[in-house]
Amino acid sequence: MRNIILDVERILDEFRFKPSDSKIYSLLLEKGELRVSEIAKELNLSARFVRERLKELCREGIVNRELVKMGWVGYVYRAEHPASVFKKLKARIIERLENIERQLTE
């Protein structure tokens, strides 16, 4: 029989922010929009690391990016509204729990 507790713990771990993700998200909430280099400088992190974390945060729908052409071409990043983030995470957690429930009843 499946260990339901472990399944639930894995789901929660999957959706838990890493400390750096929380810092990036909080900074974007505070400042509005920033480039990778600005985030890296503010948080004293490498641009490469910030870029990787932003890629994941964008994929998760927590942060979005916009192409900017103003004498330079690049991206600016913005935090999604916290209510929107909570709704997305809640929906994904419910979906995962429903999948576990289906597997248990099969």
PDB file of N, CA and C in Angstrom:
ATOM      1  N   MET A   1       0.834  -1.191   0.000  1.00  0.00           N
ATOM      2  CA  MET A   1       0.000   0.000   0.000  1.00  0.00           C
ATOM      3  C   MET A   1       0.878   1.253   0.000  1.00  0.00           C
ATOM      4  N   ARG A   2       0.407   2.237  -0.698  1.00  0.00           N
ATOM      5  CA  ARG A   2       1.160   3.486  -0.789  1.00  0.00           C
ATOM      6  C   ARG A   2       1.241   4.180   0.567  1.00  0.00           C
ATOM      7  N   ASN A   3       2.335   4.880   0.778  1.00  0.00           N
ATOM      8  CA  ASN A   3       2.461   5.678   1.981  1.00  0.00           C
ATOM      9  C   ASN A   3       1.933   7.080   1.671  1.00  0.00           C
ATOM     10  N   ILE A   4       0.702   7.343   2.049  1.00  0.00           N
ATOM     11  CA  ILE A   4       0.035   8.599   1.729  1.00  0.00           C
ATOM     12  C   ILE A   4       0.766   9.776   2.362  1.00  0.00           C
ATOM     13  N   ILE A   5       1.235   9.614   3.572  1.00  0.00           N
ATOM     14  CA  ILE A   5       1.948  10.701   4.260  1.00  0.00           C
ATOM     15  C   ILE A   5       3.161  11.124   3.449  1.00  0.00           C
ATOM     16  N   LEU A   6       3.926  10.175   2.951  1.00  0.00           N
ATOM     17  CA  LEU A   6       5.100  10.513   2.137  1.00  0.00           C
ATOM     18  C   LEU A   6       4.692  11.220   0.852  1.00  0.00           C
ATOM     19  N   ASP A   7       3.607  10.774   0.236  1.00  0.00           N
ATOM     20  CA  ASP A   7       3.115  11.432  -0.971  1.00  0.00           C
ATOM     21  C   ASP A   7       2.778  12.897  -0.700  1.00  0.00           C
ATOM     22  N   VAL A   8       2.074  13.140   0.385  1.00  0.00           N
ATOM     23  CA  VAL A   8       1.685  14.508   0.738  1.00  0.00           C
ATOM     24  C   VAL A   8       2.923  15.339   1.068  1.00  0.00           C
ATOM     25  N   GLU A   9       3.860  14.767   1.793  1.00  0.00           N
ATOM     26  CA  GLU A   9       5.096  15.494   2.120  1.00  0.00           C
ATOM     27  C   GLU A   9       5.864  15.863   0.856  1.00  0.00           C
ATOM     28  N   ARG A  10       5.908  14.951  -0.109  1.00  0.00           N
ATOM     29  CA  ARG A  10       6.595  15.248  -1.376  1.00  0.00           C
ATOM     30  C   ARG A  10       5.916  16.401  -2.101  1.00  0.00           C
ATOM     31  N   ILE A  11       4.609  16.403  -2.100  1.00  0.00           N
ATOM     32  CA  ILE A  11       3.869  17.492  -2.758  1.00  0.00           C
ATOM     33  C   ILE A  11       4.196  18.821  -2.089  1.00  0.00           C
ATOM     34  N   LEU A  12       4.151  18.846  -0.775  1.00  0.00           N
ATOM     35  CA  LEU A  12       4.432  20.096  -0.064  1.00  0.00           C
ATOM     36  C   LEU A  12       5.871  20.547  -0.283  1.00  0.00           C
ATOM     37  N   ASP A  13       6.813  19.608  -0.282  1.00  0.00           N
ATOM     38  CA  ASP A  13       8.209  19.950  -0.543  1.00  0.00           C
ATOM     39  C   ASP A  13       8.385  20.541  -1.936  1.00  0.00           C
ATOM     40  N   GLU A  14       7.666  19.978  -2.885  1.00  0.00           N
ATOM     41  CA  GLU A  14       7.756  20.444  -4.265  1.00  0.00           C
ATOM     42  C   GLU A  14       7.315  21.902  -4.390  1.00  0.00           C
ATOM     43  N   PHE A  15       6.336  22.320  -3.579  1.00  0.00           N
ATOM     44  CA  PHE A  15       5.805  23.671  -3.685  1.00  0.00           C
ATOM     45  C   PHE A  15       6.417  24.642  -2.685  1.00  0.00           C
ATOM     46  N   ARG A  16       7.320  24.171  -1.866  1.00  0.00           N
ATOM     47  CA  ARG A  16       7.955  25.044  -0.886  1.00  0.00           C
ATOM     48  C   ARG A  16       9.001  25.915  -1.581  1.00  0.00           C
ATOM     49  N   PHE A  17       8.949  27.190  -1.312  1.00  0.00           N
ATOM     50  CA  PHE A  17       9.935  28.119  -1.869  1.00  0.00           C
ATOM     51  C   PHE A  17      11.302  27.847  -1.264  1.00  0.00           C
ATOM     52  N   LYS A  18      12.313  27.918  -2.078  1.00  0.00           N
ATOM     53  CA  LYS A  18      13.671  27.922  -1.569  1.00  0.00           C
ATOM     54  C   LYS A  18      13.913  29.318  -0.984  1.00  0.00           C
ATOM     55  N   PRO A  19      14.831  29.458  -0.031  1.00  0.00           N
ATOM     56  CA  PRO A  19      15.084  30.786   0.545  1.00  0.00           C
ATOM     57  C   PRO A  19      15.410  31.846  -0.522  1.00  0.00           C
ATOM     58  N   SER A  20      16.192  31.463  -1.521  1.00  0.00           N
ATOM     59  CA  SER A  20      16.542  32.430  -2.568  1.00  0.00           C
ATOM     60  C   SER A  20      15.316  32.814  -3.398  1.00  0.00           C
ATOM     61  N   ASP A  21      14.411  31.866  -3.621  1.00  0.00           N
ATOM     62  CA  ASP A  21      13.190  32.161  -4.368  1.00  0.00           C
ATOM     63  C   ASP A  21      12.335  33.166  -3.612  1.00  0.00           C
ATOM     64  N   SER A  22      12.240  32.985  -2.304  1.00  0.00           N
ATOM     65  CA  SER A  22      11.473  33.920  -1.478  1.00  0.00           C
ATOM     66  C   SER A  22      12.070  35.311  -1.529  1.00  0.00           C
ATOM     67  N   LYS A  23      13.393  35.382  -1.488  1.00  0.00           N
ATOM     68  CA  LYS A  23      14.059  36.689  -1.546  1.00  0.00           C
ATOM     69  C   LYS A  23      13.838  37.360  -2.891  1.00  0.00           C
ATOM     70  N   ILE A  24      13.945  36.603  -3.964  1.00  0.00           N
ATOM     71  CA  ILE A  24      13.734  37.156  -5.310  1.00  0.00           C
ATOM     72  C   ILE A  24      12.296  37.636  -5.449  1.00  0.00           C
ATOM     73  N   TYR A  25      11.352  36.792  -5.044  1.00  0.00           N
ATOM     74  CA  TYR A  25       9.931  37.149  -5.150  1.00  0.00           C
ATOM     75  C   TYR A  25       9.632  38.395  -4.314  1.00  0.00           C
ATOM     76  N   SER A  26      10.113  38.444  -3.084  1.00  0.00           N
ATOM     77  CA  SER A  26       9.880  39.592  -2.200  1.00  0.00           C
ATOM     78  C   SER A  26      10.470  40.875  -2.789  1.00  0.00           C
ATOM     79  N   LEU A  27      11.668  40.770  -3.337  1.00  0.00           N
ATOM     80  CA  LEU A  27      12.307  41.935  -3.939  1.00  0.00           C
ATOM     81  C   LEU A  27      11.493  42.453  -5.121  1.00  0.00           C
ATOM     82  N   LEU A  28      11.019  41.539  -5.953  1.00  0.00           N
ATOM     83  CA  LEU A  28      10.205  41.949  -7.094  1.00  0.00           C
ATOM     84  C   LEU A  28       8.875  42.549  -6.644  1.00  0.00           C
ATOM     85  N   LEU A  29       8.288  42.039  -5.591  1.00  0.00           N
ATOM     86  CA  LEU A  29       7.061  42.639  -5.054  1.00  0.00           C
ATOM     87  C   LEU A  29       7.327  44.066  -4.587  1.00  0.00           C
ATOM     88  N   GLU A  30       8.470  44.238  -3.952  1.00  0.00           N
ATOM     89  CA  GLU A  30       8.828  45.548  -3.397  1.00  0.00           C
ATOM     90  C   GLU A  30       9.184  46.559  -4.489  1.00  0.00           C
ATOM     91  N   LYS A  31       9.991  46.136  -5.457  1.00  0.00           N
ATOM     92  CA  LYS A  31      10.540  47.066  -6.454  1.00  0.00           C
ATOM     93  C   LYS A  31       9.708  47.178  -7.731  1.00  0.00           C
ATOM     94  N   GLY A  32       8.858  46.218  -7.987  1.00  0.00           N
ATOM     95  CA  GLY A  32       8.040  46.261  -9.209  1.00  0.00           C
ATOM     96  C   GLY A  32       8.614  45.417 -10.313  1.00  0.00           C
ATOM     97  N   GLU A  33       9.593  45.936 -11.017  1.00  0.00           N
ATOM     98  CA  GLU A  33      10.229  45.160 -12.084  1.00  0.00           C
ATOM     99  C   GLU A  33      11.723  45.402 -12.071  1.00  0.00           C
ATOM    100  N   LEU A  34      12.454  44.333 -12.331  1.00  0.00           N
ATOM    101  CA  LEU A  34      13.920  44.410 -12.316  1.00  0.00           C
ATOM    102  C   LEU A  34      14.501  43.481 -13.360  1.00  0.00           C
ATOM    103  N   ARG A  35      15.735  43.776 -13.751  1.00  0.00           N
ATOM    104  CA  ARG A  35      16.502  42.888 -14.627  1.00  0.00           C
ATOM    105  C   ARG A  35      17.290  41.908 -13.762  1.00  0.00           C
ATOM    106  N   VAL A  36      17.769  40.867 -14.384  1.00  0.00           N
ATOM    107  CA  VAL A  36      18.553  39.853 -13.670  1.00  0.00           C
ATOM    108  C   VAL A  36      19.726  40.499 -12.935  1.00  0.00           C
ATOM    109  N   SER A  37      20.448  41.359 -13.617  1.00  0.00           N
ATOM    110  CA  SER A  37      21.632  41.983 -13.004  1.00  0.00           C
ATOM    111  C   SER A  37      21.262  42.811 -11.776  1.00  0.00           C
ATOM    112  N   GLU A  38      20.110  43.468 -11.819  1.00  0.00           N
ATOM    113  CA  GLU A  38      19.676  44.274 -10.672  1.00  0.00           C
ATOM    114  C   GLU A  38      19.299  43.385  -9.486  1.00  0.00           C
ATOM    115  N   ILE A  39      18.636  42.297  -9.769  1.00  0.00           N
ATOM    116  CA  ILE A  39      18.267  41.351  -8.707  1.00  0.00           C
ATOM    117  C   ILE A  39      19.523  40.763  -8.082  1.00  0.00           C
ATOM    118  N   ALA A  40      20.443  40.327  -8.937  1.00  0.00           N
ATOM    119  CA  ALA A  40      21.691  39.724  -8.460  1.00  0.00           C
ATOM    120  C   ALA A  40      22.447  40.696  -7.560  1.00  0.00           C
ATOM    121  N   LYS A  41      22.527  41.939  -7.973  1.00  0.00           N
ATOM    122  CA  LYS A  41      23.253  42.948  -7.199  1.00  0.00           C
ATOM    123  C   LYS A  41      22.566  43.201  -5.860  1.00  0.00           C
ATOM    124  N   GLU A  42      21.254  43.372  -5.880  1.00  0.00           N
ATOM    125  CA  GLU A  42      20.488  43.639  -4.651  1.00  0.00           C
ATOM    126  C   GLU A  42      20.630  42.520  -3.632  1.00  0.00           C
ATOM    127  N   LEU A  43      20.645  41.272  -4.113  1.00  0.00           N
ATOM    128  CA  LEU A  43      20.657  40.119  -3.220  1.00  0.00           C
ATOM    129  C   LEU A  43      22.041  39.503  -3.036  1.00  0.00           C
ATOM    130  N   ASN A  44      23.028  40.093  -3.692  1.00  0.00           N
ATOM    131  CA  ASN A  44      24.398  39.595  -3.610  1.00  0.00           C
ATOM    132  C   ASN A  44      24.478  38.124  -4.041  1.00  0.00           C
ATOM    133  N   LEU A  45      23.858  37.839  -5.195  1.00  0.00           N
ATOM    134  CA  LEU A  45      23.871  36.506  -5.788  1.00  0.00           C
ATOM    135  C   LEU A  45      24.454  36.609  -7.189  1.00  0.00           C
ATOM    136  N   SER A  46      24.889  35.494  -7.741  1.00  0.00           N
ATOM    137  CA  SER A  46      25.404  35.523  -9.103  1.00  0.00           C
ATOM    138  C   SER A  46      24.252  35.673 -10.087  1.00  0.00           C
ATOM    139  N   ALA A  47      24.518  36.351 -11.196  1.00  0.00           N
ATOM    140  CA  ALA A  47      23.496  36.525 -12.231  1.00  0.00           C
ATOM    141  C   ALA A  47      23.059  35.168 -12.782  1.00  0.00           C
ATOM    142  N   ARG A  48      23.991  34.255 -12.915  1.00  0.00           N
ATOM    143  CA  ARG A  48      23.650  32.921 -13.425  1.00  0.00           C
ATOM    144  C   ARG A  48      22.663  32.217 -12.507  1.00  0.00           C
ATOM    145  N   PHE A  49      22.920  32.289 -11.209  1.00  0.00           N
ATOM    146  CA  PHE A  49      22.037  31.661 -10.231  1.00  0.00           C
ATOM    147  C   PHE A  49      20.651  32.310 -10.281  1.00  0.00           C
ATOM    148  N   VAL A  50      20.609  33.638 -10.306  1.00  0.00           N
ATOM    149  CA  VAL A  50      19.337  34.364 -10.356  1.00  0.00           C
ATOM    150  C   VAL A  50      18.572  34.001 -11.619  1.00  0.00           C
ATOM    151  N   ARG A  51      19.267  33.923 -12.731  1.00  0.00           N
ATOM    152  CA  ARG A  51      18.624  33.570 -14.007  1.00  0.00           C
ATOM    153  C   ARG A  51      17.978  32.182 -13.929  1.00  0.00           C
ATOM    154  N   GLU A  52      18.674  31.230 -13.321  1.00  0.00           N
ATOM    155  CA  GLU A  52      18.134  29.872 -13.168  1.00  0.00           C
ATOM    156  C   GLU A  52      16.907  29.857 -12.266  1.00  0.00           C
ATOM    157  N   ARG A  53      16.968  30.576 -11.166  1.00  0.00           N
ATOM    158  CA  ARG A  53      15.825  30.627 -10.247  1.00  0.00           C
ATOM    159  C   ARG A  53      14.641  31.324 -10.912  1.00  0.00           C
ATOM    160  N   LEU A  54      14.899  32.396 -11.657  1.00  0.00           N
ATOM    161  CA  LEU A  54      13.818  33.106 -12.347  1.00  0.00           C
ATOM    162  C   LEU A  54      13.164  32.221 -13.401  1.00  0.00           C
ATOM    163  N   LYS A  55      13.969  31.430 -14.065  1.00  0.00           N
ATOM    164  CA  LYS A  55      13.430  30.503 -15.061  1.00  0.00           C
ATOM    165  C   LYS A  55      12.411  29.578 -14.410  1.00  0.00           C
ATOM    166  N   GLU A  56      12.754  29.046 -13.247  1.00  0.00           N
ATOM    167  CA  GLU A  56      11.855  28.156 -12.522  1.00  0.00           C
ATOM    168  C   GLU A  56      10.630  28.909 -12.001  1.00  0.00           C
ATOM    169  N   LEU A  57      10.840  30.093 -11.455  1.00  0.00           N
ATOM    170  CA  LEU A  57       9.719  30.881 -10.941  1.00  0.00           C
ATOM    171  C   LEU A  57       8.748  31.280 -12.055  1.00  0.00           C
ATOM    172  N   CYS A  58       9.269  31.554 -13.231  1.00  0.00           N
ATOM    173  CA  CYS A  58       8.412  31.856 -14.389  1.00  0.00           C
ATOM    174  C   CYS A  58       7.625  30.613 -14.801  1.00  0.00           C
ATOM    175  N   ARG A  59       8.295  29.494 -14.832  1.00  0.00           N
ATOM    176  CA  ARG A  59       7.643  28.237 -15.206  1.00  0.00           C
ATOM    177  C   ARG A  59       6.504  27.917 -14.234  1.00  0.00           C
ATOM    178  N   GLU A  60       6.699  28.252 -12.971  1.00  0.00           N
ATOM    179  CA  GLU A  60       5.691  27.991 -11.946  1.00  0.00           C
ATOM    180  C   GLU A  60       4.584  29.044 -11.940  1.00  0.00           C
ATOM    181  N   GLY A  61       4.747  30.116 -12.697  1.00  0.00           N
ATOM    182  CA  GLY A  61       3.723  31.165 -12.744  1.00  0.00           C
ATOM    183  C   GLY A  61       3.770  32.113 -11.561  1.00  0.00           C
ATOM    184  N   ILE A  62       4.909  32.170 -10.893  1.00  0.00           N
ATOM    185  CA  ILE A  62       5.071  33.017  -9.717  1.00  0.00           C
ATOM    186  C   ILE A  62       5.651  34.375 -10.111  1.00  0.00           C
ATOM    187  N   VAL A  63       6.443  34.357 -11.167  1.00  0.00           N
ATOM    188  CA  VAL A  63       7.072  35.561 -11.716  1.00  0.00           C
ATOM    189  C   VAL A  63       6.814  35.540 -13.218  1.00  0.00           C
ATOM    190  N   ASN A  64       6.713  36.718 -13.811  1.00  0.00           N
ATOM    191  CA  ASN A  64       6.627  36.760 -15.271  1.00  0.00           C
ATOM    192  C   ASN A  64       7.716  37.664 -15.809  1.00  0.00           C
ATOM    193  N   ARG A  65       8.007  37.491 -17.075  1.00  0.00           N
ATOM    194  CA  ARG A  65       9.052  38.305 -17.689  1.00  0.00           C
ATOM    195  C   ARG A  65       8.506  38.963 -18.942  1.00  0.00           C
ATOM    196  N   GLU A  66       9.120  40.101 -19.262  1.00  0.00           N
ATOM    197  CA  GLU A  66       8.702  40.855 -20.429  1.00  0.00           C
ATOM    198  C   GLU A  66       9.941  41.294 -21.202  1.00  0.00           C
ATOM    199  N   LEU A  67       9.886  41.115 -22.515  1.00  0.00           N
ATOM    200  CA  LEU A  67      10.973  41.552 -23.383  1.00  0.00           C
ATOM    201  C   LEU A  67      10.946  43.067 -23.473  1.00  0.00           C
ATOM    202  N   VAL A  68      12.109  43.677 -23.304  1.00  0.00           N
ATOM    203  CA  VAL A  68      12.221  45.133 -23.321  1.00  0.00           C
ATOM    204  C   VAL A  68      13.250  45.535 -24.372  1.00  0.00           C
ATOM    205  N   LYS A  69      12.909  46.555 -25.166  1.00  0.00           N
ATOM    206  CA  LYS A  69      13.839  47.100 -26.161  1.00  0.00           C
ATOM    207  C   LYS A  69      13.937  48.597 -25.920  1.00  0.00           C
ATOM    208  N   MET A  70      14.966  49.002 -25.155  1.00  0.00           N
ATOM    209  CA  MET A  70      15.173  50.415 -24.840  1.00  0.00           C
ATOM    210  C   MET A  70      16.663  50.728 -24.922  1.00  0.00           C
ATOM    211  N   GLY A  71      17.197  50.764 -26.117  1.00  0.00           N
ATOM    212  CA  GLY A  71      18.623  50.961 -26.267  1.00  0.00           C
ATOM    213  C   GLY A  71      19.383  49.673 -25.986  1.00  0.00           C
ATOM    214  N   TRP A  72      18.709  48.738 -25.384  1.00  0.00           N
ATOM    215  CA  TRP A  72      19.237  47.406 -25.112  1.00  0.00           C
ATOM    216  C   TRP A  72      18.056  46.442 -25.209  1.00  0.00           C
ATOM    217  N   VAL A  73      18.365  45.203 -25.432  1.00  0.00           N
ATOM    218  CA  VAL A  73      17.308  44.192 -25.512  1.00  0.00           C
ATOM    219  C   VAL A  73      17.525  43.208 -24.374  1.00  0.00           C
ATOM    220  N   GLY A  74      16.500  43.001 -23.619  1.00  0.00           N
ATOM    221  CA  GLY A  74      16.599  42.073 -22.503  1.00  0.00           C
ATOM    222  C   GLY A  74      15.243  41.876 -21.873  1.00  0.00           C
ATOM    223  N   TYR A  75      15.254  41.302 -20.698  1.00  0.00           N
ATOM    224  CA  TYR A  75      14.009  41.015 -19.996  1.00  0.00           C
ATOM    225  C   TYR A  75      13.954  41.750 -18.669  1.00  0.00           C
ATOM    226  N   VAL A  76      12.752  42.122 -18.301  1.00  0.00           N
ATOM    227  CA  VAL A  76      12.493  42.580 -16.940  1.00  0.00           C
ATOM    228  C   VAL A  76      11.529  41.569 -16.328  1.00  0.00           C
ATOM    229  N   TYR A  77      11.647  41.411 -15.040  1.00  0.00           N
ATOM    230  CA  TYR A  77      10.848  40.427 -14.317  1.00  0.00           C
ATOM    231  C   TYR A  77       9.951  41.129 -13.317  1.00  0.00           C
ATOM    232  N   ARG A  78       8.753  40.592 -13.165  1.00  0.00           N
ATOM    233  CA  ARG A  78       7.766  41.104 -12.223  1.00  0.00           C
ATOM    234  C   ARG A  78       7.180  39.941 -11.428  1.00  0.00           C
ATOM    235  N   ALA A  79       6.874  40.214 -10.175  1.00  0.00           N
ATOM    236  CA  ALA A  79       6.221  39.207  -9.339  1.00  0.00           C
ATOM    237  C   ALA A  79       4.733  39.200  -9.650  1.00  0.00           C
ATOM    238  N   GLU A  80       4.163  38.014  -9.717  1.00  0.00           N
ATOM    239  CA  GLU A  80       2.712  37.896  -9.807  1.00  0.00           C
ATOM    240  C   GLU A  80       2.127  38.311  -8.455  1.00  0.00           C
ATOM    241  N   HIS A  81       0.914  38.788  -8.467  1.00  0.00           N
ATOM    242  CA  HIS A  81       0.249  39.190  -7.226  1.00  0.00           C
ATOM    243  C   HIS A  81       0.160  37.972  -6.293  1.00  0.00           C
ATOM    244  N   PRO A  82       0.407  38.161  -4.997  1.00  0.00           N
ATOM    245  CA  PRO A  82       0.377  37.026  -4.067  1.00  0.00           C
ATOM    246  C   PRO A  82      -0.927  36.224  -4.113  1.00  0.00           C
ATOM    247  N   ALA A  83      -2.062  36.888  -4.251  1.00  0.00           N
ATOM    248  CA  ALA A  83      -3.339  36.158  -4.308  1.00  0.00           C
ATOM    249  C   ALA A  83      -3.372  35.223  -5.509  1.00  0.00           C
ATOM    250  N   SER A  84      -2.837  35.678  -6.632  1.00  0.00           N
ATOM    251  CA  SER A  84      -2.776  34.852  -7.838  1.00  0.00           C
ATOM    252  C   SER A  84      -1.858  33.653  -7.632  1.00  0.00           C
ATOM    253  N   VAL A  85      -0.731  33.890  -6.992  1.00  0.00           N
ATOM    254  CA  VAL A  85       0.232  32.807  -6.710  1.00  0.00           C
ATOM    255  C   VAL A  85      -0.416  31.763  -5.800  1.00  0.00           C
ATOM    256  N   PHE A  86      -1.087  32.208  -4.750  1.00  0.00           N
ATOM    257  CA  PHE A  86      -1.728  31.267  -3.830  1.00  0.00           C
ATOM    258  C   PHE A  86      -2.792  30.443  -4.538  1.00  0.00           C
ATOM    259  N   LYS A  87      -3.567  31.073  -5.391  1.00  0.00           N
ATOM    260  CA  LYS A  87      -4.607  30.341  -6.125  1.00  0.00           C
ATOM    261  C   LYS A  87      -3.993  29.271  -7.024  1.00  0.00           C
ATOM    262  N   LYS A  88      -2.910  29.630  -7.727  1.00  0.00           N
ATOM    263  CA  LYS A  88      -2.240  28.666  -8.607  1.00  0.00           C
ATOM    264  C   LYS A  88      -1.679  27.491  -7.817  1.00  0.00           C
ATOM    265  N   LEU A  89      -1.005  27.797  -6.717  1.00  0.00           N
ATOM    266  CA  LEU A  89      -0.419  26.739  -5.903  1.00  0.00           C
ATOM    267  C   LEU A  89      -1.504  25.856  -5.289  1.00  0.00           C
ATOM    268  N   LYS A  90      -2.566  26.465  -4.814  1.00  0.00           N
ATOM    269  CA  LYS A  90      -3.669  25.705  -4.231  1.00  0.00           C
ATOM    270  C   LYS A  90      -4.268  24.754  -5.259  1.00  0.00           C
ATOM    271  N   ALA A  91      -4.502  25.251  -6.473  1.00  0.00           N
ATOM    272  CA  ALA A  91      -5.082  24.419  -7.529  1.00  0.00           C
ATOM    273  C   ALA A  91      -4.167  23.247  -7.863  1.00  0.00           C
ATOM    274  N   ARG A  92      -2.860  23.505  -7.929  1.00  0.00           N
ATOM    275  CA  ARG A  92      -1.919  22.430  -8.247  1.00  0.00           C
ATOM    276  C   ARG A  92      -1.842  21.403  -7.131  1.00  0.00           C
ATOM    277  N   ILE A  93      -1.878  21.858  -5.872  1.00  0.00           N
ATOM    278  CA  ILE A  93      -1.838  20.924  -4.750  1.00  0.00           C
ATOM    279  C   ILE A  93      -3.098  20.065  -4.750  1.00  0.00           C
ATOM    280  N   ILE A  94      -4.248  20.674  -4.960  1.00  0.00           N
ATOM    281  CA  ILE A  94      -5.507  19.924  -5.003  1.00  0.00           C
ATOM    282  C   ILE A  94      -5.470  18.896  -6.125  1.00  0.00           C
ATOM    283  N   GLU A  95      -4.977  19.301  -7.280  1.00  0.00           N
ATOM    284  CA  GLU A  95      -4.882  18.366  -8.412  1.00  0.00           C
ATOM    285  C   GLU A  95      -4.013  17.161  -8.061  1.00  0.00           C
ATOM    286  N   ARG A  96      -2.866  17.423  -7.442  1.00  0.00           N
ATOM    287  CA  ARG A  96      -1.959  16.324  -7.068  1.00  0.00           C
ATOM    288  C   ARG A  96      -2.604  15.405  -6.031  1.00  0.00           C
ATOM    289  N   LEU A  97      -3.300  15.988  -5.055  1.00  0.00           N
ATOM    290  CA  LEU A  97      -3.971  15.168  -4.037  1.00  0.00           C
ATOM    291  C   LEU A  97      -5.100  14.340  -4.658  1.00  0.00           C
ATOM    292  N   GLU A  98      -5.811  14.910  -5.599  1.00  0.00           N
ATOM    293  CA  GLU A  98      -6.874  14.161  -6.276  1.00  0.00           C
ATOM    294  C   GLU A  98      -6.291  13.002  -7.077  1.00  0.00           C
ATOM    295  N   ASN A  99      -5.111  13.197  -7.668  1.00  0.00           N
ATOM    296  CA  ASN A  99      -4.447  12.103  -8.383  1.00  0.00           C
ATOM    297  C   ASN A  99      -4.100  10.961  -7.429  1.00  0.00           C
ATOM    298  N   ILE A 100      -3.611  11.300  -6.259  1.00  0.00           N
ATOM    299  CA  ILE A 100      -3.285  10.278  -5.257  1.00  0.00           C
ATOM    300  C   ILE A 100      -4.562   9.547  -4.843  1.00  0.00           C
ATOM    301  N   GLU A 101      -5.619  10.310  -4.618  1.00  0.00           N
ATOM    302  CA  GLU A 101      -6.892   9.709  -4.216  1.00  0.00           C
ATOM    303  C   GLU A 101      -7.401   8.740  -5.286  1.00  0.00           C
ATOM    304  N   ARG A 102      -7.312   9.142  -6.557  1.00  0.00           N
ATOM    305  CA  ARG A 102      -7.729   8.251  -7.654  1.00  0.00           C
ATOM    306  C   ARG A 102      -6.924   6.961  -7.659  1.00  0.00           C
ATOM    307  N   GLN A 103      -5.616   7.087  -7.462  1.00  0.00           N
ATOM    308  CA  GLN A 103      -4.754   5.908  -7.463  1.00  0.00           C
ATOM    309  C   GLN A 103      -5.105   4.977  -6.310  1.00  0.00           C
ATOM    310  N   LEU A 104      -5.495   5.547  -5.178  1.00  0.00           N
ATOM    311  CA  LEU A 104      -5.849   4.718  -4.027  1.00  0.00           C
ATOM    312  C   LEU A 104      -7.154   3.976  -4.217  1.00  0.00           C
ATOM    313  N   THR A 105      -8.047   4.530  -5.017  1.00  0.00           N
ATOM    314  CA  THR A 105      -9.346   3.899  -5.196  1.00  0.00           C
ATOM    315  C   THR A 105      -9.385   2.956  -6.391  1.00  0.00           C
ATOM    316  N   GLU A 106      -8.333   2.911  -7.172  1.00  0.00           N
ATOM    317  CA  GLU A 106      -8.300   2.021  -8.343  1.00  0.00           C
ATOM    318  C   GLU A 106      -8.008   0.594  -7.938  1.00  0.00           C
TER     319      GLU A 106
END
